[in-house]
Amino acid sequence: MKKNKKQGMPVTYEKALFDRGFSYICGVDEVGRGPWAGPIVAAATIVSNLKSQISNLGVRDSKKLSEKKREDIFEIVKDIKDIEYFVAFISAEEIDKIGLGRANQLVLKKAVDGLSQKPDYVLVDGFEIGGLTTRQEKVVGGDSKIFSIALASIIAKVSRDRYMKELAKKYPEYGFEHHKGYGTAKHLGAIKKYGICPEHRKSFHPIHDIIVQ
């Protein structure tokens, strides 16, 4: 018998927490820590019914999925009433102002706080969220182990990629639709030729080095 290729990550971790008495389990992940341009984005998700059609979505770590597959999953998720999510953005300007570490903490907290349903247990990929009063658990590599975190990673990635594609229409010379703001030779060449735009992170190397030259 052939395996169902759509079968994704199981909800084993969440089921164990449900069995312990938690009702609203939230997975959180962020994307965009490393790029030279654009925001850092986080998504928080709550799956209220683990017996719904979610097992057939093919959810897994967003980095292991094609762009098309991530987009397909996101479009389906938007119409599933058993899944609530919220997406938070921290701009390049804010990252420069407060630093990447604080920006990362802030965007994760904003994603959780933005949910209309307050979670009673938060699963975070790789970080603990400062100032969060809800019980939380840091899971290293959580986007490859836990369904709700993997789903959050997909939603965050799709949301940021869409933002960068829109940004490419405003600043076509940088090729944001291709590299999404990450450091590439073509991106660096465009910066040297055209200078920076308001979406570049001025505190990041090599942007900072170019500015102070």
C-alpha atoms as a PDB file:
ATOM      1  CA  MET A   1       0.000   0.000   0.000  1.00  0.00           C
ATOM      2  CA  LYS A   2       1.320   3.432  -0.961  1.00  0.00           C
ATOM      3  CA  LYS A   3       1.721   6.045   1.730  1.00  0.00           C
ATOM      4  CA  ASN A   4      -0.569   9.019   1.601  1.00  0.00           C
ATOM      5  CA  LYS A   5       1.785  11.789   0.520  1.00  0.00           C
ATOM      6  CA  LYS A   6      -0.513  14.405   2.052  1.00  0.00           C
ATOM      7  CA  GLN A   7      -0.120  12.855   5.484  1.00  0.00           C
ATOM      8  CA  GLY A   8       1.813  15.334   7.565  1.00  0.00           C
ATOM      9  CA  MET A   9       2.904  15.719  11.137  1.00  0.00           C
ATOM     10  CA  PRO A  10       0.763  14.018  13.810  1.00  0.00           C
ATOM     11  CA  VAL A  11      -0.791  15.952  16.689  1.00  0.00           C
ATOM     12  CA  THR A  12       0.700  13.632  19.315  1.00  0.00           C
ATOM     13  CA  TYR A  13       2.197  16.396  21.452  1.00  0.00           C
ATOM     14  CA  GLU A  14      -1.032  18.386  21.508  1.00  0.00           C
ATOM     15  CA  LYS A  15      -3.092  15.288  22.374  1.00  0.00           C
ATOM     16  CA  ALA A  16      -0.870  14.604  25.368  1.00  0.00           C
ATOM     17  CA  LEU A  17      -1.432  18.154  26.608  1.00  0.00           C
ATOM     18  CA  PHE A  18      -5.203  17.795  26.078  1.00  0.00           C
ATOM     19  CA  ASP A  19      -5.071  14.648  28.211  1.00  0.00           C
ATOM     20  CA  ARG A  20      -3.385  16.684  30.950  1.00  0.00           C
ATOM     21  CA  GLY A  21      -6.334  19.099  30.985  1.00  0.00           C
ATOM     22  CA  PHE A  22      -5.191  21.929  28.712  1.00  0.00           C
ATOM     23  CA  SER A  23      -7.853  23.121  26.285  1.00  0.00           C
ATOM     24  CA  TYR A  24      -6.283  25.854  24.133  1.00  0.00           C
ATOM     25  CA  ILE A  25      -2.810  24.841  23.047  1.00  0.00           C
ATOM     26  CA  CYS A  26      -0.938  27.406  21.007  1.00  0.00           C
ATOM     27  CA  GLY A  27       2.015  26.869  18.698  1.00  0.00           C
ATOM     28  CA  VAL A  28       4.237  29.849  17.857  1.00  0.00           C
ATOM     29  CA  ASP A  29       7.040  30.350  15.346  1.00  0.00           C
ATOM     30  CA  GLU A  30       8.764  33.228  13.596  1.00  0.00           C
ATOM     31  CA  VAL A  31      10.502  33.785  10.290  1.00  0.00           C
ATOM     32  CA  GLY A  32      12.808  36.504   9.027  1.00  0.00           C
ATOM     33  CA  ARG A  33      15.495  36.869  11.665  1.00  0.00           C
ATOM     34  CA  GLY A  34      18.345  36.817   9.175  1.00  0.00           C
ATOM     35  CA  PRO A  35      17.334  38.880   6.108  1.00  0.00           C
ATOM     36  CA  TRP A  36      18.864  42.235   5.268  1.00  0.00           C
ATOM     37  CA  ALA A  37      15.465  43.702   4.477  1.00  0.00           C
ATOM     38  CA  GLY A  38      11.820  43.387   5.437  1.00  0.00           C
ATOM     39  CA  PRO A  39      10.045  42.552   8.693  1.00  0.00           C
ATOM     40  CA  ILE A  40      10.353  39.724  11.138  1.00  0.00           C
ATOM     41  CA  VAL A  41       7.047  37.853  11.220  1.00  0.00           C
ATOM     42  CA  ALA A  42       5.525  35.448  13.744  1.00  0.00           C
ATOM     43  CA  ALA A  43       2.362  33.374  13.721  1.00  0.00           C
ATOM     44  CA  ALA A  44       0.470  31.821  16.608  1.00  0.00           C
ATOM     45  CA  THR A  45      -2.005  28.987  16.051  1.00  0.00           C
ATOM     46  CA  ILE A  46      -4.605  27.195  18.132  1.00  0.00           C
ATOM     47  CA  VAL A  47      -6.182  23.964  16.868  1.00  0.00           C
ATOM     48  CA  SER A  48      -9.378  23.433  18.836  1.00  0.00           C
ATOM     49  CA  ASN A  49     -10.409  20.094  17.328  1.00  0.00           C
ATOM     50  CA  LEU A  50      -7.636  17.560  16.843  1.00  0.00           C
ATOM     51  CA  LYS A  51     -10.061  15.152  15.145  1.00  0.00           C
ATOM     52  CA  SER A  52     -10.861  17.482  12.249  1.00  0.00           C
ATOM     53  CA  GLN A  53      -9.394  17.293   8.737  1.00  0.00           C
ATOM     54  CA  ILE A  54      -6.056  18.751   9.853  1.00  0.00           C
ATOM     55  CA  SER A  55      -4.225  15.408   9.588  1.00  0.00           C
ATOM     56  CA  ASN A  56      -4.647  15.485   5.818  1.00  0.00           C
ATOM     57  CA  LEU A  57      -3.154  18.930   5.289  1.00  0.00           C
ATOM     58  CA  GLY A  58       0.419  17.699   4.913  1.00  0.00           C
ATOM     59  CA  VAL A  59       1.670  20.082   7.600  1.00  0.00           C
ATOM     60  CA  ARG A  60       5.355  19.908   8.439  1.00  0.00           C
ATOM     61  CA  ASP A  61       8.298  22.260   8.934  1.00  0.00           C
ATOM     62  CA  SER A  62       7.811  25.063   6.391  1.00  0.00           C
ATOM     63  CA  LYS A  63      11.439  24.745   5.264  1.00  0.00           C
ATOM     64  CA  LYS A  64      10.686  21.215   4.034  1.00  0.00           C
ATOM     65  CA  LEU A  65       7.766  22.292   1.862  1.00  0.00           C
ATOM     66  CA  SER A  66       7.710  23.946  -1.542  1.00  0.00           C
ATOM     67  CA  GLU A  67       6.385  27.479  -1.843  1.00  0.00           C
ATOM     68  CA  LYS A  68       3.312  26.157  -3.663  1.00  0.00           C
ATOM     69  CA  LYS A  69       2.602  23.598  -0.935  1.00  0.00           C
ATOM     70  CA  ARG A  70       2.887  26.237   1.773  1.00  0.00           C
ATOM     71  CA  GLU A  71       0.500  28.484  -0.131  1.00  0.00           C
ATOM     72  CA  ASP A  72      -1.968  25.614  -0.638  1.00  0.00           C
ATOM     73  CA  ILE A  73      -1.961  24.757   3.076  1.00  0.00           C
ATOM     74  CA  PHE A  74      -2.406  28.384   4.088  1.00  0.00           C
ATOM     75  CA  GLU A  75      -5.396  28.840   1.777  1.00  0.00           C
ATOM     76  CA  ILE A  76      -7.077  25.723   3.200  1.00  0.00           C
ATOM     77  CA  VAL A  77      -6.339  26.687   6.812  1.00  0.00           C
ATOM     78  CA  LYS A  78      -8.066  30.061   6.385  1.00  0.00           C
ATOM     79  CA  ASP A  79     -11.385  28.241   5.921  1.00  0.00           C
ATOM     80  CA  ILE A  80     -11.067  25.702   8.765  1.00  0.00           C
ATOM     81  CA  LYS A  81     -13.113  26.889  11.729  1.00  0.00           C
ATOM     82  CA  ASP A  82     -11.187  24.623  14.120  1.00  0.00           C
ATOM     83  CA  ILE A  83      -7.981  26.577  13.519  1.00  0.00           C
ATOM     84  CA  GLU A  84      -7.408  30.074  14.853  1.00  0.00           C
ATOM     85  CA  TYR A  85      -4.284  32.019  14.002  1.00  0.00           C
ATOM     86  CA  PHE A  86      -2.798  35.476  14.282  1.00  0.00           C
ATOM     87  CA  VAL A  87       0.148  36.944  12.382  1.00  0.00           C
ATOM     88  CA  ALA A  88       2.369  39.695  13.836  1.00  0.00           C
ATOM     89  CA  PHE A  89       4.941  41.886  12.079  1.00  0.00           C
ATOM     90  CA  ILE A  90       7.882  43.923  13.374  1.00  0.00           C
ATOM     91  CA  SER A  91       9.277  46.305  10.770  1.00  0.00           C
ATOM     92  CA  ALA A  92      12.882  46.751   9.696  1.00  0.00           C
ATOM     93  CA  GLU A  93      12.809  50.221  11.269  1.00  0.00           C
ATOM     94  CA  GLU A  94      11.707  48.777  14.616  1.00  0.00           C
ATOM     95  CA  ILE A  95      14.352  46.028  14.412  1.00  0.00           C
ATOM     96  CA  ASP A  96      17.018  48.708  13.940  1.00  0.00           C
ATOM     97  CA  LYS A  97      15.596  50.668  16.864  1.00  0.00           C
ATOM     98  CA  ILE A  98      15.310  47.928  19.499  1.00  0.00           C
ATOM     99  CA  GLY A  99      17.661  45.221  18.199  1.00  0.00           C
ATOM    100  CA  LEU A 100      16.956  41.801  16.725  1.00  0.00           C
ATOM    101  CA  GLY A 101      16.760  39.953  20.049  1.00  0.00           C
ATOM    102  CA  ARG A 102      14.098  42.246  21.480  1.00  0.00           C
ATOM    103  CA  ALA A 103      12.278  42.357  18.150  1.00  0.00           C
ATOM    104  CA  ASN A 104      12.153  38.561  18.091  1.00  0.00           C
ATOM    105  CA  GLN A 105      10.679  38.441  21.593  1.00  0.00           C
ATOM    106  CA  LEU A 106       8.197  41.193  20.809  1.00  0.00           C
ATOM    107  CA  VAL A 107       6.891  39.647  17.596  1.00  0.00           C
ATOM    108  CA  LEU A 108       6.356  36.260  19.272  1.00  0.00           C
ATOM    109  CA  LYS A 109       4.452  37.883  22.136  1.00  0.00           C
ATOM    110  CA  LYS A 110       2.388  40.023  19.746  1.00  0.00           C
ATOM    111  CA  ALA A 111       1.372  36.891  17.839  1.00  0.00           C
ATOM    112  CA  VAL A 112       0.143  35.157  21.007  1.00  0.00           C
ATOM    113  CA  ASP A 113      -1.536  38.274  22.379  1.00  0.00           C
ATOM    114  CA  GLY A 114      -3.323  38.806  19.072  1.00  0.00           C
ATOM    115  CA  LEU A 115      -5.310  35.580  19.314  1.00  0.00           C
ATOM    116  CA  SER A 116      -8.979  36.132  20.147  1.00  0.00           C
ATOM    117  CA  GLN A 117      -8.918  32.949  22.243  1.00  0.00           C
ATOM    118  CA  LYS A 118      -6.439  33.181  25.098  1.00  0.00           C
ATOM    119  CA  PRO A 119      -4.311  30.000  25.142  1.00  0.00           C
ATOM    120  CA  ASP A 120      -3.660  28.087  28.331  1.00  0.00           C
ATOM    121  CA  TYR A 121      -0.439  26.464  27.077  1.00  0.00           C
ATOM    122  CA  VAL A 122       2.042  27.903  24.574  1.00  0.00           C
ATOM    123  CA  LEU A 123       4.581  25.870  22.616  1.00  0.00           C
ATOM    124  CA  VAL A 124       7.387  28.029  21.203  1.00  0.00           C
ATOM    125  CA  ASP A 125       9.985  27.044  18.647  1.00  0.00           C
ATOM    126  CA  GLY A 126      13.392  27.560  20.227  1.00  0.00           C
ATOM    127  CA  PHE A 127      12.663  30.512  22.510  1.00  0.00           C
ATOM    128  CA  GLU A 128      10.935  31.451  25.732  1.00  0.00           C
ATOM    129  CA  ILE A 129       8.732  34.523  25.387  1.00  0.00           C
ATOM    130  CA  GLY A 130       9.512  37.195  27.962  1.00  0.00           C
ATOM    131  CA  GLY A 131       6.540  38.791  29.710  1.00  0.00           C
ATOM    132  CA  LEU A 132       4.119  36.048  28.731  1.00  0.00           C
ATOM    133  CA  THR A 133       1.888  35.118  31.663  1.00  0.00           C
ATOM    134  CA  THR A 134       0.533  31.962  30.020  1.00  0.00           C
ATOM    135  CA  ARG A 135       2.317  28.705  30.765  1.00  0.00           C
ATOM    136  CA  GLN A 136       4.829  28.072  27.997  1.00  0.00           C
ATOM    137  CA  GLU A 137       7.355  25.521  26.825  1.00  0.00           C
ATOM    138  CA  LYS A 138      10.400  26.111  24.661  1.00  0.00           C
ATOM    139  CA  VAL A 139      10.885  23.297  22.141  1.00  0.00           C
ATOM    140  CA  VAL A 140      14.159  23.252  20.216  1.00  0.00           C
ATOM    141  CA  GLY A 141      13.414  22.229  16.646  1.00  0.00           C
ATOM    142  CA  GLY A 142       9.711  22.440  17.431  1.00  0.00           C
ATOM    143  CA  ASP A 143       8.763  23.184  13.829  1.00  0.00           C
ATOM    144  CA  SER A 144       9.887  19.674  12.891  1.00  0.00           C
ATOM    145  CA  LYS A 145       8.274  17.965  15.914  1.00  0.00           C
ATOM    146  CA  ILE A 146       4.988  19.639  16.834  1.00  0.00           C
ATOM    147  CA  PHE A 147       1.990  20.180  14.547  1.00  0.00           C
ATOM    148  CA  SER A 148       0.844  23.546  15.899  1.00  0.00           C
ATOM    149  CA  ILE A 149       4.367  25.002  15.688  1.00  0.00           C
ATOM    150  CA  ALA A 150       4.872  23.626  12.168  1.00  0.00           C
ATOM    151  CA  LEU A 151       1.546  25.150  11.132  1.00  0.00           C
ATOM    152  CA  ALA A 152       2.612  28.476  12.639  1.00  0.00           C
ATOM    153  CA  SER A 153       5.878  28.281  10.701  1.00  0.00           C
ATOM    154  CA  ILE A 154       3.957  27.840   7.438  1.00  0.00           C
ATOM    155  CA  ILE A 155       1.578  30.719   8.136  1.00  0.00           C
ATOM    156  CA  ALA A 156       4.436  33.019   9.143  1.00  0.00           C
ATOM    157  CA  LYS A 157       6.503  32.081   6.092  1.00  0.00           C
ATOM    158  CA  VAL A 158       3.651  32.566   3.616  1.00  0.00           C
ATOM    159  CA  SER A 159       2.679  35.873   5.223  1.00  0.00           C
ATOM    160  CA  ARG A 160       6.215  37.227   5.052  1.00  0.00           C
ATOM    161  CA  ASP A 161       6.809  35.995   1.494  1.00  0.00           C
ATOM    162  CA  ARG A 162       3.611  37.702   0.351  1.00  0.00           C
ATOM    163  CA  TYR A 163       4.727  40.917   2.016  1.00  0.00           C
ATOM    164  CA  MET A 164       8.085  40.785   0.249  1.00  0.00           C
ATOM    165  CA  LYS A 165       6.438  40.161  -3.129  1.00  0.00           C
ATOM    166  CA  GLU A 166       4.288  43.246  -2.623  1.00  0.00           C
ATOM    167  CA  LEU A 167       7.381  45.158  -1.597  1.00  0.00           C
ATOM    168  CA  ALA A 168       9.034  44.122  -4.873  1.00  0.00           C
ATOM    169  CA  LYS A 169       6.369  46.069  -6.758  1.00  0.00           C
ATOM    170  CA  LYS A 170       7.344  49.212  -4.866  1.00  0.00           C
ATOM    171  CA  TYR A 171      11.102  48.608  -5.110  1.00  0.00           C
ATOM    172  CA  PRO A 172      11.562  46.449  -8.234  1.00  0.00           C
ATOM    173  CA  GLU A 173      15.295  47.100  -8.498  1.00  0.00           C
ATOM    174  CA  TYR A 174      16.148  44.867  -5.504  1.00  0.00           C
ATOM    175  CA  GLY A 175      14.526  41.581  -6.575  1.00  0.00           C
ATOM    176  CA  PHE A 176      12.703  41.076  -3.270  1.00  0.00           C
ATOM    177  CA  GLU A 177      10.280  38.656  -4.949  1.00  0.00           C
ATOM    178  CA  HIS A 178      13.174  36.234  -5.481  1.00  0.00           C
ATOM    179  CA  HIS A 179      15.375  36.389  -2.378  1.00  0.00           C
ATOM    180  CA  LYS A 180      12.735  37.751   0.056  1.00  0.00           C
ATOM    181  CA  GLY A 181      15.262  40.167   1.537  1.00  0.00           C
ATOM    182  CA  TYR A 182      17.922  37.574   2.382  1.00  0.00           C
ATOM    183  CA  GLY A 183      21.562  38.144   1.576  1.00  0.00           C
ATOM    184  CA  THR A 184      22.477  37.099  -1.959  1.00  0.00           C
ATOM    185  CA  ALA A 185      25.067  38.306  -4.444  1.00  0.00           C
ATOM    186  CA  LYS A 186      22.360  39.915  -6.584  1.00  0.00           C
ATOM    187  CA  HIS A 187      20.838  41.640  -3.555  1.00  0.00           C
ATOM    188  CA  LEU A 188      24.223  43.009  -2.541  1.00  0.00           C
ATOM    189  CA  GLY A 189      24.872  44.159  -6.101  1.00  0.00           C
ATOM    190  CA  ALA A 190      21.540  46.013  -6.163  1.00  0.00           C
ATOM    191  CA  ILE A 191      22.317  47.737  -2.858  1.00  0.00           C
ATOM    192  CA  LYS A 192      25.703  48.888  -4.138  1.00  0.00           C
ATOM    193  CA  LYS A 193      24.113  50.165  -7.348  1.00  0.00           C
ATOM    194  CA  TYR A 194      20.916  51.775  -6.004  1.00  0.00           C
ATOM    195  CA  GLY A 195      21.652  52.311  -2.325  1.00  0.00           C
ATOM    196  CA  ILE A 196      19.215  51.171   0.356  1.00  0.00           C
ATOM    197  CA  CYS A 197      15.454  51.574   0.681  1.00  0.00           C
ATOM    198  CA  PRO A 198      13.385  52.152   3.864  1.00  0.00           C
ATOM    199  CA  GLU A 199      12.842  48.392   4.203  1.00  0.00           C
ATOM    200  CA  HIS A 200      16.543  47.623   4.627  1.00  0.00           C
ATOM    201  CA  ARG A 201      17.839  46.913   8.122  1.00  0.00           C
ATOM    202  CA  LYS A 202      20.471  49.568   8.644  1.00  0.00           C
ATOM    203  CA  SER A 203      21.925  47.861  11.718  1.00  0.00           C
ATOM    204  CA  PHE A 204      22.706  44.659   9.792  1.00  0.00           C
ATOM    205  CA  HIS A 205      25.961  43.828   8.053  1.00  0.00           C
ATOM    206  CA  PRO A 206      26.771  44.502   5.262  1.00  0.00           C
ATOM    207  CA  ILE A 207      24.098  47.252   5.112  1.00  0.00           C
ATOM    208  CA  HIS A 208      25.663  49.084   8.050  1.00  0.00           C
ATOM    209  CA  ASP A 209      29.145  48.841   6.519  1.00  0.00           C
ATOM    210  CA  ILE A 210      27.926  50.274   3.210  1.00  0.00           C
ATOM    211  CA  ILE A 211      26.153  53.183   4.917  1.00  0.00           C
ATOM    212  CA  VAL A 212      29.190  54.245   6.988  1.00  0.00           C
ATOM    213  CA  GLN A 213      31.642  54.070   4.080  1.00  0.00           C
END
